[in-house]
Amino acid sequence: MTPEKIRLLQFVTSFQIGGTERQVVLLGRNLDRRSFDLHLACLNRSGPFRDGVEGLGIPLVDYPIPSLHSFEAVRKCARFASYVRRHEIEIVHTYGLYPNLFAIPPARLARAPVIVSSIRDTGEWLTPMQKRVQRVVCRLADHVLVNAKAVVGRLVAEGYDAGRITVIENGVDLSRFAGRGDRGALRRELGLAPGTPLVAVICRMHNNLEGVDLKGVRFFLEAAAILARRFESVRFLIVGDGPQRGDMERLAMDLGLQNRVVFTGFRLDIPEILSEISVAVSPSLAEAISNSVVEAMAAGVPVVATRVGGNPEAIEDGQSGIIVPARDAEALARPIARLLEDPALASRMGEAARRRVAERFSMESMINATERVYRSLAEEARSRAGRRNTPRRQRSFPASQDPRTISMD
């Protein structure tokens, strides 16, 4: 007899470009449809990933609200609870602060058998109040998924139950990053000479609520100013957009880098860009597992990253990349210079990085691990429901015959 499909709903903020959104899209495309009946929900249907998600034919419902404190939010929470009951959703899986706060309480009120929350940051983006509220709400969840051991350490320190936390590291589709080598298209687009060395940061430029540039772009630009005096032909790319782009462009001007730094803006062709990059840099002040780091490694690009969050979990320092202290432009510049001066070292490090991703961060590993968690939690919930629905006289066994205690050895 074929087991009944597990009815699963994943809830995200939106479909903007981001590490969490990319992982949800990967799951949506590759989750085993024979085992899972997948639904998607969001607070905002906007973003470049939306068209691809809508093309999958997966039910998608949105709950736009002006704020979590509004009457409209209460009304939409009731609507979400109704959706969970009507479609008999077995697992509600929420991703990130706002989906956690919005969807977990109504999912519990709707008696969803399993609630899973995802926390994929080390907390630097959140206020102390946001951390406290999320901790209270996540006590209503059955399980918490995180993408780095660094996140586990933060949550346990804040009072989360370590026994209900599972680490599933980010996955990347290696086939998207198979092409290495200088194809030249990016340099032609930017008006650069063939073979121009390119050093790049790929990130979204925005500050946290306290105004701190947690992506560390400022330190990258300061490092670029140091390197520009030594390497006349090197160009520096900042790939991405965001509210702080104007500030970073002004800083580049102040540092005299107006002819050396290119702000490419938002791009979807990241694999093609990475195929031409000489060194990828992650100057971040806070990360869990960085998608941009793992994708650069998958493309065989040597990476220089700061010693924060999950970066040391992704990179074997000195083998598949180089780890440096955060907030130190000179420390950032030194290994970049080393890799630019030693192409053989850069090539060896890039090859080691790609092997590292294939062994530990493959899309298949992430999907299989997530499916195992879903199946385990769903089976446990179905078992509990079955015991509740079975008359007591049919559930009484002598201790020696109880099917839960019989050894299979």
Protein backbone atom coordinates (compact mmCIF):
# COMPACT_ATOMS: atom_id res chain seq x y z
CA MET A 1 0.00 0.00 0.00
CA THR A 2 1.41 3.39 -1.02
CA PRO A 3 1.86 5.71 2.01
CA GLU A 4 -0.28 8.82 2.00
CA LYS A 5 1.54 11.95 0.89
CA ILE A 6 2.67 14.35 3.60
CA ARG A 7 0.85 17.65 3.23
CA LEU A 8 3.52 20.30 3.72
CA LEU A 9 3.32 24.10 3.72
CA GLN A 10 6.44 26.27 3.58
CA PHE A 11 6.07 29.93 4.58
CA VAL A 12 8.55 32.65 3.52
CA THR A 13 8.59 36.43 3.68
CA SER A 14 8.88 37.01 -0.09
CA PHE A 15 10.69 35.80 -3.20
CA GLN A 16 13.45 38.40 -3.21
CA ILE A 17 17.02 37.31 -3.86
CA GLY A 18 18.45 35.89 -0.65
CA GLY A 19 19.99 32.75 0.77
CA THR A 20 16.81 31.57 2.49
CA GLU A 21 14.64 32.22 -0.56
CA ARG A 22 17.09 30.37 -2.79
CA GLN A 23 16.99 27.32 -0.50
CA VAL A 24 13.17 27.34 -0.49
CA VAL A 25 13.12 27.51 -4.29
CA LEU A 26 15.58 24.60 -4.51
CA LEU A 27 13.36 22.54 -2.21
CA GLY A 28 10.25 23.50 -4.16
CA ARG A 29 11.79 22.31 -7.40
CA ASN A 30 13.33 19.12 -6.10
CA LEU A 31 11.24 17.81 -3.19
CA ASP A 32 9.98 14.27 -3.82
CA ARG A 33 6.45 14.80 -5.21
CA ARG A 34 5.61 11.15 -4.61
CA SER A 35 5.98 11.72 -0.87
CA PHE A 36 5.04 15.38 -0.39
CA ASP A 37 2.06 17.49 -1.34
CA LEU A 38 3.70 20.91 -1.20
CA HIS A 39 1.99 24.27 -0.58
CA LEU A 40 3.74 27.65 -0.40
CA ALA A 41 2.74 30.80 1.47
CA CYS A 42 4.33 34.23 1.80
CA LEU A 43 3.78 37.65 3.28
CA ASN A 44 4.67 39.36 0.01
CA ARG A 45 4.51 37.77 -3.42
CA SER A 46 7.19 40.09 -4.84
CA GLY A 47 10.70 39.18 -5.97
CA PRO A 48 12.68 37.76 -8.89
CA PHE A 49 12.09 34.16 -7.73
CA ARG A 50 8.30 34.54 -7.90
CA ASP A 51 7.85 33.69 -11.59
CA GLY A 52 9.92 30.52 -11.24
CA VAL A 53 7.93 29.42 -8.19
CA GLU A 54 4.57 30.14 -9.82
CA GLY A 55 5.69 28.11 -12.83
CA LEU A 56 6.07 25.00 -10.66
CA GLY A 57 2.31 24.62 -10.30
CA ILE A 58 2.53 24.57 -6.49
CA PRO A 59 -0.38 26.20 -4.61
CA LEU A 60 0.81 29.64 -3.51
CA VAL A 61 -1.12 31.97 -1.23
CA ASP A 62 -0.02 35.35 0.10
CA TYR A 63 -0.91 37.26 3.28
CA PRO A 64 0.18 40.89 2.76
CA ILE A 65 -0.01 42.96 5.93
CA PRO A 66 1.05 46.53 6.81
CA SER A 67 2.65 45.32 10.06
CA LEU A 68 2.46 42.47 12.56
CA HIS A 69 0.76 44.83 15.01
CA SER A 70 -2.19 45.71 12.75
CA PHE A 71 -5.79 44.47 12.79
CA GLU A 72 -5.18 43.31 9.22
CA ALA A 73 -2.47 40.97 10.54
CA VAL A 74 -4.98 39.41 12.97
CA ARG A 75 -7.47 38.95 10.13
CA LYS A 76 -4.84 37.39 7.87
CA CYS A 77 -3.67 35.08 10.68
CA ALA A 78 -7.24 33.79 11.00
CA ARG A 79 -7.35 33.28 7.24
CA PHE A 80 -4.08 31.33 7.39
CA ALA A 81 -5.38 29.11 10.20
CA SER A 82 -8.44 28.39 8.07
CA TYR A 83 -6.20 27.43 5.14
CA VAL A 84 -4.21 25.02 7.31
CA ARG A 85 -7.40 23.33 8.56
CA ARG A 86 -9.13 23.25 5.17
CA HIS A 87 -6.17 21.66 3.38
CA GLU A 88 -5.33 19.40 6.34
CA ILE A 89 -1.72 20.60 6.34
CA GLU A 90 0.42 18.22 8.40
CA ILE A 91 3.66 20.21 8.51
CA VAL A 92 3.89 23.99 8.60
CA HIS A 93 7.48 25.12 8.04
CA THR A 94 8.21 28.82 8.55
CA TYR A 95 11.42 30.57 7.46
CA GLY A 96 12.75 33.60 9.31
CA LEU A 97 11.57 36.15 11.84
CA TYR A 98 8.39 37.52 10.27
CA PRO A 99 7.00 34.19 8.99
CA ASN A 100 7.82 32.66 12.38
CA LEU A 101 5.92 35.38 14.24
CA PHE A 102 3.02 35.52 11.79
CA ALA A 103 2.38 31.86 11.02
CA ILE A 104 3.39 29.73 14.02
CA PRO A 105 0.62 30.86 16.45
CA PRO A 106 -2.28 30.37 13.98
CA ALA A 107 -0.78 27.06 12.82
CA ARG A 108 -0.82 25.89 16.43
CA LEU A 109 -4.39 27.16 16.90
CA ALA A 110 -5.35 25.28 13.72
CA ARG A 111 -3.86 22.13 15.33
CA ALA A 112 -1.31 21.53 12.62
CA PRO A 113 0.28 18.21 13.67
CA VAL A 114 3.85 19.48 13.13
CA ILE A 115 5.30 22.99 13.16
CA VAL A 116 8.89 23.59 12.09
CA SER A 117 10.61 26.96 12.28
CA SER A 118 13.81 27.92 10.50
CA ILE A 119 16.30 30.39 11.97
CA ARG A 120 19.13 31.08 9.55
CA ASP A 121 21.12 33.93 11.10
CA THR A 122 23.29 34.57 14.11
CA GLY A 123 21.03 37.31 15.39
CA GLU A 124 22.96 40.46 14.54
CA TRP A 125 20.11 41.70 12.34
CA LEU A 126 17.60 41.51 15.21
CA THR A 127 16.81 43.79 18.12
CA PRO A 128 16.81 42.32 21.65
CA MET A 129 13.00 42.54 21.64
CA GLN A 130 12.74 40.68 18.33
CA LYS A 131 14.96 37.92 19.71
CA ARG A 132 12.82 37.58 22.82
CA VAL A 133 9.53 37.50 20.94
CA GLN A 134 10.84 34.97 18.42
CA ARG A 135 12.07 32.73 21.25
CA VAL A 136 8.63 32.77 22.90
CA VAL A 137 6.85 32.03 19.61
CA CYS A 138 9.28 29.27 18.62
CA ARG A 139 8.42 27.42 21.82
CA LEU A 140 5.17 26.63 20.02
CA ALA A 141 7.13 24.87 17.27
CA ASP A 142 7.98 21.18 17.40
CA HIS A 143 11.40 21.61 15.83
CA VAL A 144 13.85 24.29 14.73
CA LEU A 145 16.01 23.94 11.62
CA VAL A 146 19.20 25.99 11.29
CA ASN A 147 21.91 26.05 8.64
CA ALA A 148 25.06 26.33 10.79
CA LYS A 149 26.44 25.18 14.13
CA ALA A 150 27.09 28.84 14.88
CA VAL A 151 23.32 29.41 14.90
CA VAL A 152 22.83 26.49 17.31
CA GLY A 153 25.30 28.08 19.72
CA ARG A 154 23.43 31.37 19.62
CA LEU A 155 20.00 29.78 20.14
CA VAL A 156 21.05 27.54 23.00
CA ALA A 157 22.66 30.54 24.71
CA GLU A 158 19.32 32.33 24.38
CA GLY A 159 17.41 29.48 26.00
CA TYR A 160 16.26 27.28 23.09
CA ASP A 161 16.10 23.51 23.64
CA ALA A 162 19.14 21.99 21.91
CA GLY A 163 17.31 18.67 21.59
CA ARG A 164 14.78 20.24 19.22
CA ILE A 165 17.33 21.85 16.88
CA THR A 166 18.73 20.22 13.74
CA VAL A 167 21.47 21.60 11.49
CA ILE A 168 20.89 21.24 7.75
CA GLU A 169 23.56 23.12 5.84
CA ASN A 170 22.79 25.07 2.68
CA GLY A 171 22.74 23.15 -0.57
CA VAL A 172 23.87 24.33 -3.97
CA ASP A 173 23.07 22.96 -7.41
CA LEU A 174 26.56 22.14 -8.63
CA SER A 175 25.41 21.79 -12.22
CA ARG A 176 24.77 25.56 -12.34
CA PHE A 177 28.42 26.25 -11.55
CA ALA A 178 30.12 23.69 -13.79
CA GLY A 179 31.69 26.17 -16.23
CA ARG A 180 35.01 27.63 -15.10
CA GLY A 181 37.35 29.62 -17.27
CA ASP A 182 37.46 33.11 -18.72
CA ARG A 183 34.68 33.36 -21.27
CA GLY A 184 35.16 37.13 -21.45
CA ALA A 185 31.52 38.23 -21.65
CA LEU A 186 31.54 40.09 -18.33
CA ARG A 187 34.76 41.93 -19.14
CA ARG A 188 33.42 42.96 -22.54
CA GLU A 189 30.21 44.19 -20.91
CA LEU A 190 32.21 46.27 -18.43
CA GLY A 191 34.63 47.54 -21.08
CA LEU A 192 37.63 45.81 -19.53
CA ALA A 193 40.60 44.27 -21.28
CA PRO A 194 40.63 40.47 -21.68
CA GLY A 195 42.26 38.78 -18.72
CA THR A 196 41.72 41.70 -16.33
CA PRO A 197 41.83 40.23 -12.79
CA LEU A 198 38.47 40.64 -11.06
CA VAL A 199 37.97 40.62 -7.28
CA ALA A 200 34.31 40.53 -6.26
CA VAL A 201 31.89 40.77 -3.37
CA ILE A 202 28.38 39.43 -3.98
CA CYS A 203 25.86 40.67 -1.44
CA ARG A 204 22.85 42.85 -0.71
CA MET A 205 23.90 46.24 0.62
CA HIS A 206 21.81 47.09 3.64
CA ASN A 207 22.32 47.92 7.30
CA ASN A 208 20.74 46.40 10.38
CA LEU A 209 18.32 48.41 12.52
CA GLU A 210 21.24 49.98 14.37
CA GLY A 211 22.75 51.27 11.13
CA VAL A 212 25.65 48.79 11.00
CA ASP A 213 26.83 47.53 7.59
CA LEU A 214 26.91 43.86 8.57
CA LYS A 215 27.98 42.76 5.08
CA GLY A 216 31.27 44.64 5.60
CA VAL A 217 31.34 46.29 2.16
CA ARG A 218 33.10 49.28 3.72
CA PHE A 219 36.05 47.08 4.70
CA PHE A 220 36.18 45.56 1.22
CA LEU A 221 36.44 49.04 -0.31
CA GLU A 222 39.19 49.99 2.13
CA ALA A 223 41.03 46.78 1.21
CA ALA A 224 40.51 47.60 -2.48
CA ALA A 225 42.16 50.99 -1.92
CA ILE A 226 45.22 49.20 -0.47
CA LEU A 227 45.35 46.70 -3.34
CA ALA A 228 44.76 49.28 -6.07
CA ARG A 229 48.13 50.89 -5.35
CA ARG A 230 49.90 47.56 -5.84
CA PHE A 231 47.93 45.97 -8.72
CA GLU A 232 47.32 48.46 -11.51
CA SER A 233 45.17 46.18 -13.68
CA VAL A 234 42.88 44.67 -11.02
CA ARG A 235 39.24 45.73 -10.95
CA PHE A 236 36.89 45.32 -8.00
CA LEU A 237 33.23 44.35 -8.39
CA ILE A 238 30.36 44.78 -5.98
CA VAL A 239 27.57 42.60 -7.31
CA GLY A 240 24.20 43.36 -5.77
CA ASP A 241 22.01 46.24 -4.76
CA GLY A 242 20.29 47.61 -1.70
CA PRO A 243 19.54 50.73 0.34
CA GLN A 244 23.22 51.40 1.18
CA ARG A 245 24.51 51.31 -2.39
CA GLY A 246 24.63 55.11 -2.59
CA ASP A 247 26.70 55.32 0.59
CA MET A 248 29.13 52.72 -0.72
CA GLU A 249 29.46 54.49 -4.07
CA ARG A 250 30.30 57.73 -2.25
CA LEU A 251 32.87 55.90 -0.12
CA ALA A 252 34.49 54.48 -3.25
CA MET A 253 34.76 58.02 -4.62
CA ASP A 254 36.28 59.27 -1.35
CA LEU A 255 38.87 56.48 -1.51
CA GLY A 256 39.79 57.42 -5.09
CA LEU A 257 38.42 54.16 -6.51
CA GLN A 258 35.94 55.61 -9.00
CA ASN A 259 37.87 54.06 -11.92
CA ARG A 260 38.68 50.81 -10.18
CA VAL A 261 35.38 49.68 -8.59
CA VAL A 262 32.32 48.63 -10.58
CA PHE A 263 28.90 48.46 -8.91
CA THR A 264 27.11 46.00 -11.17
CA GLY A 265 23.73 46.26 -9.44
CA PHE A 266 21.35 43.35 -9.06
CA ARG A 267 22.23 40.34 -11.24
CA LEU A 268 20.64 36.96 -11.81
CA ASP A 269 23.58 35.55 -13.83
CA ILE A 270 25.72 34.75 -10.80
CA PRO A 271 27.16 31.48 -12.21
CA GLU A 272 28.31 33.32 -15.34
CA ILE A 273 29.83 36.13 -13.27
CA LEU A 274 31.63 33.68 -10.99
CA SER A 275 33.12 31.91 -14.00
CA GLU A 276 35.23 35.04 -14.62
CA ILE A 277 36.12 36.00 -11.04
CA SER A 278 39.73 35.72 -9.84
CA VAL A 279 38.98 36.00 -6.09
CA ALA A 280 35.65 36.09 -4.26
CA VAL A 281 35.50 38.00 -0.98
CA SER A 282 33.07 37.82 1.93
CA PRO A 283 33.95 40.71 4.29
CA SER A 284 30.81 40.18 6.37
CA LEU A 285 30.56 40.97 10.08
CA ALA A 286 27.80 38.37 10.60
CA GLU A 287 26.80 35.21 8.73
CA ALA A 288 25.34 31.79 9.25
CA ILE A 289 26.25 29.76 6.17
CA SER A 290 26.67 32.28 3.37
CA ASN A 291 25.14 31.28 0.04
CA SER A 292 27.50 33.63 -1.80
CA VAL A 293 30.50 31.90 -0.20
CA VAL A 294 29.25 28.39 -0.96
CA GLU A 295 28.32 29.34 -4.55
CA ALA A 296 31.75 30.86 -5.18
CA MET A 297 33.34 27.68 -3.84
CA ALA A 298 31.05 25.60 -6.08
CA ALA A 299 32.29 27.61 -9.06
CA GLY A 300 35.89 26.82 -8.13
CA VAL A 301 36.73 30.39 -7.13
CA PRO A 302 39.19 30.92 -4.25
CA VAL A 303 37.42 32.68 -1.38
CA VAL A 304 38.68 35.08 1.27
CA ALA A 305 36.13 35.34 4.09
CA THR A 306 35.93 36.77 7.58
CA ARG A 307 35.99 34.59 10.68
CA VAL A 308 32.33 35.05 11.60
CA GLY A 309 29.36 32.73 12.08
CA GLY A 310 29.41 29.71 9.81
CA ASN A 311 32.24 30.80 7.49
CA PRO A 312 34.82 28.62 9.31
CA GLU A 313 32.37 25.70 8.99
CA ALA A 314 32.20 26.13 5.21
CA ILE A 315 35.87 26.90 4.53
CA GLU A 316 38.87 24.83 5.59
CA ASP A 317 41.28 27.68 6.25
CA GLY A 318 44.33 27.51 3.99
CA GLN A 319 42.92 24.64 1.95
CA SER A 320 39.54 25.50 0.40
CA GLY A 321 39.79 29.22 1.15
CA ILE A 322 41.32 31.74 3.52
CA ILE A 323 39.76 33.02 6.75
CA VAL A 324 40.69 36.45 8.13
CA PRO A 325 39.59 38.60 11.08
CA ALA A 326 36.52 40.76 10.56
CA ARG A 327 36.63 44.59 10.53
CA ASP A 328 40.25 44.63 9.30
CA ALA A 329 40.86 45.94 5.78
CA GLU A 330 44.59 45.19 5.85
CA ALA A 331 43.98 41.60 6.97
CA LEU A 332 41.49 41.28 4.09
CA ALA A 333 43.91 42.74 1.53
CA ARG A 334 46.87 40.47 2.32
CA PRO A 335 45.41 37.08 1.23
CA ILE A 336 43.72 38.69 -1.80
CA ALA A 337 47.15 39.95 -2.89
CA ARG A 338 48.64 36.52 -2.28
CA LEU A 339 46.06 34.84 -4.49
CA LEU A 340 46.46 37.45 -7.24
CA GLU A 341 50.23 36.97 -7.23
CA ASP A 342 50.10 33.16 -7.20
CA PRO A 343 47.64 31.84 -9.84
CA ALA A 344 48.71 28.24 -9.12
CA LEU A 345 47.75 28.62 -5.47
CA ALA A 346 44.47 30.25 -6.45
CA SER A 347 43.72 27.36 -8.81
CA ARG A 348 44.51 24.69 -6.18
CA MET A 349 42.37 26.47 -3.59
CA GLY A 350 39.49 26.83 -6.06
CA GLU A 351 39.59 23.13 -6.92
CA ALA A 352 39.65 22.20 -3.22
CA ALA A 353 36.70 24.53 -2.62
CA ARG A 354 34.63 22.85 -5.32
CA ARG A 355 35.40 19.40 -3.87
CA ARG A 356 34.42 20.68 -0.43
CA VAL A 357 31.02 21.82 -1.71
CA ALA A 358 30.42 18.56 -3.58
CA GLU A 359 31.15 16.58 -0.42
CA ARG A 360 29.24 18.69 2.09
CA PHE A 361 26.97 21.31 0.53
CA SER A 362 25.35 19.60 -2.44
CA MET A 363 21.72 20.27 -3.26
CA GLU A 364 21.01 16.55 -2.97
CA SER A 365 22.41 16.40 0.58
CA MET A 366 20.29 19.36 1.68
CA ILE A 367 17.11 17.98 0.13
CA ASN A 368 17.62 14.46 1.47
CA ALA A 369 18.32 15.75 4.99
CA THR A 370 15.24 17.99 4.92
CA GLU A 371 13.03 15.17 3.66
CA ARG A 372 14.29 12.89 6.44
CA VAL A 373 13.34 15.45 9.08
CA TYR A 374 9.91 15.98 7.53
CA ARG A 375 9.22 12.23 7.32
CA SER A 376 10.39 11.58 10.87
CA LEU A 377 8.24 14.36 12.33
CA ALA A 378 5.20 13.41 10.23
CA GLU A 379 5.45 9.73 11.12
CA GLU A 380 5.72 10.60 14.81
CA ALA A 381 2.66 12.88 14.55
CA ARG A 382 0.65 10.25 12.66
CA SER A 383 1.62 7.67 15.26
CA ARG A 384 0.42 9.94 18.07
CA ALA A 385 -2.85 10.57 16.24
CA GLY A 386 -3.33 6.85 15.67
CA ARG A 387 -2.85 6.09 19.36
CA ARG A 388 -5.38 8.78 20.29
CA ASN A 389 -7.93 7.37 17.87
CA THR A 390 -7.49 3.74 18.94
CA PRO A 391 -9.81 2.49 21.74
CA ARG A 392 -7.87 1.91 24.94
CA ARG A 393 -8.78 -1.78 25.11
CA GLN A 394 -7.12 -2.31 21.70
CA ARG A 395 -3.96 -0.56 22.84
CA SER A 396 -3.31 -2.69 25.94
CA PHE A 397 -0.44 -5.15 25.54
CA PRO A 398 1.47 -7.25 28.03
CA ALA A 399 4.86 -5.60 28.47
CA SER A 400 6.61 -8.47 26.70
CA GLN A 401 4.37 -8.09 23.63
CA ASP A 402 4.21 -4.30 23.34
CA PRO A 403 5.30 -3.59 19.74
CA ARG A 404 7.14 -0.50 20.95
CA THR A 405 9.44 -2.59 23.17
CA ILE A 406 10.04 -5.76 21.14
CA SER A 407 13.70 -6.02 20.13
CA MET A 408 14.40 -6.43 16.40
CA ASP A 409 17.89 -7.89 17.02
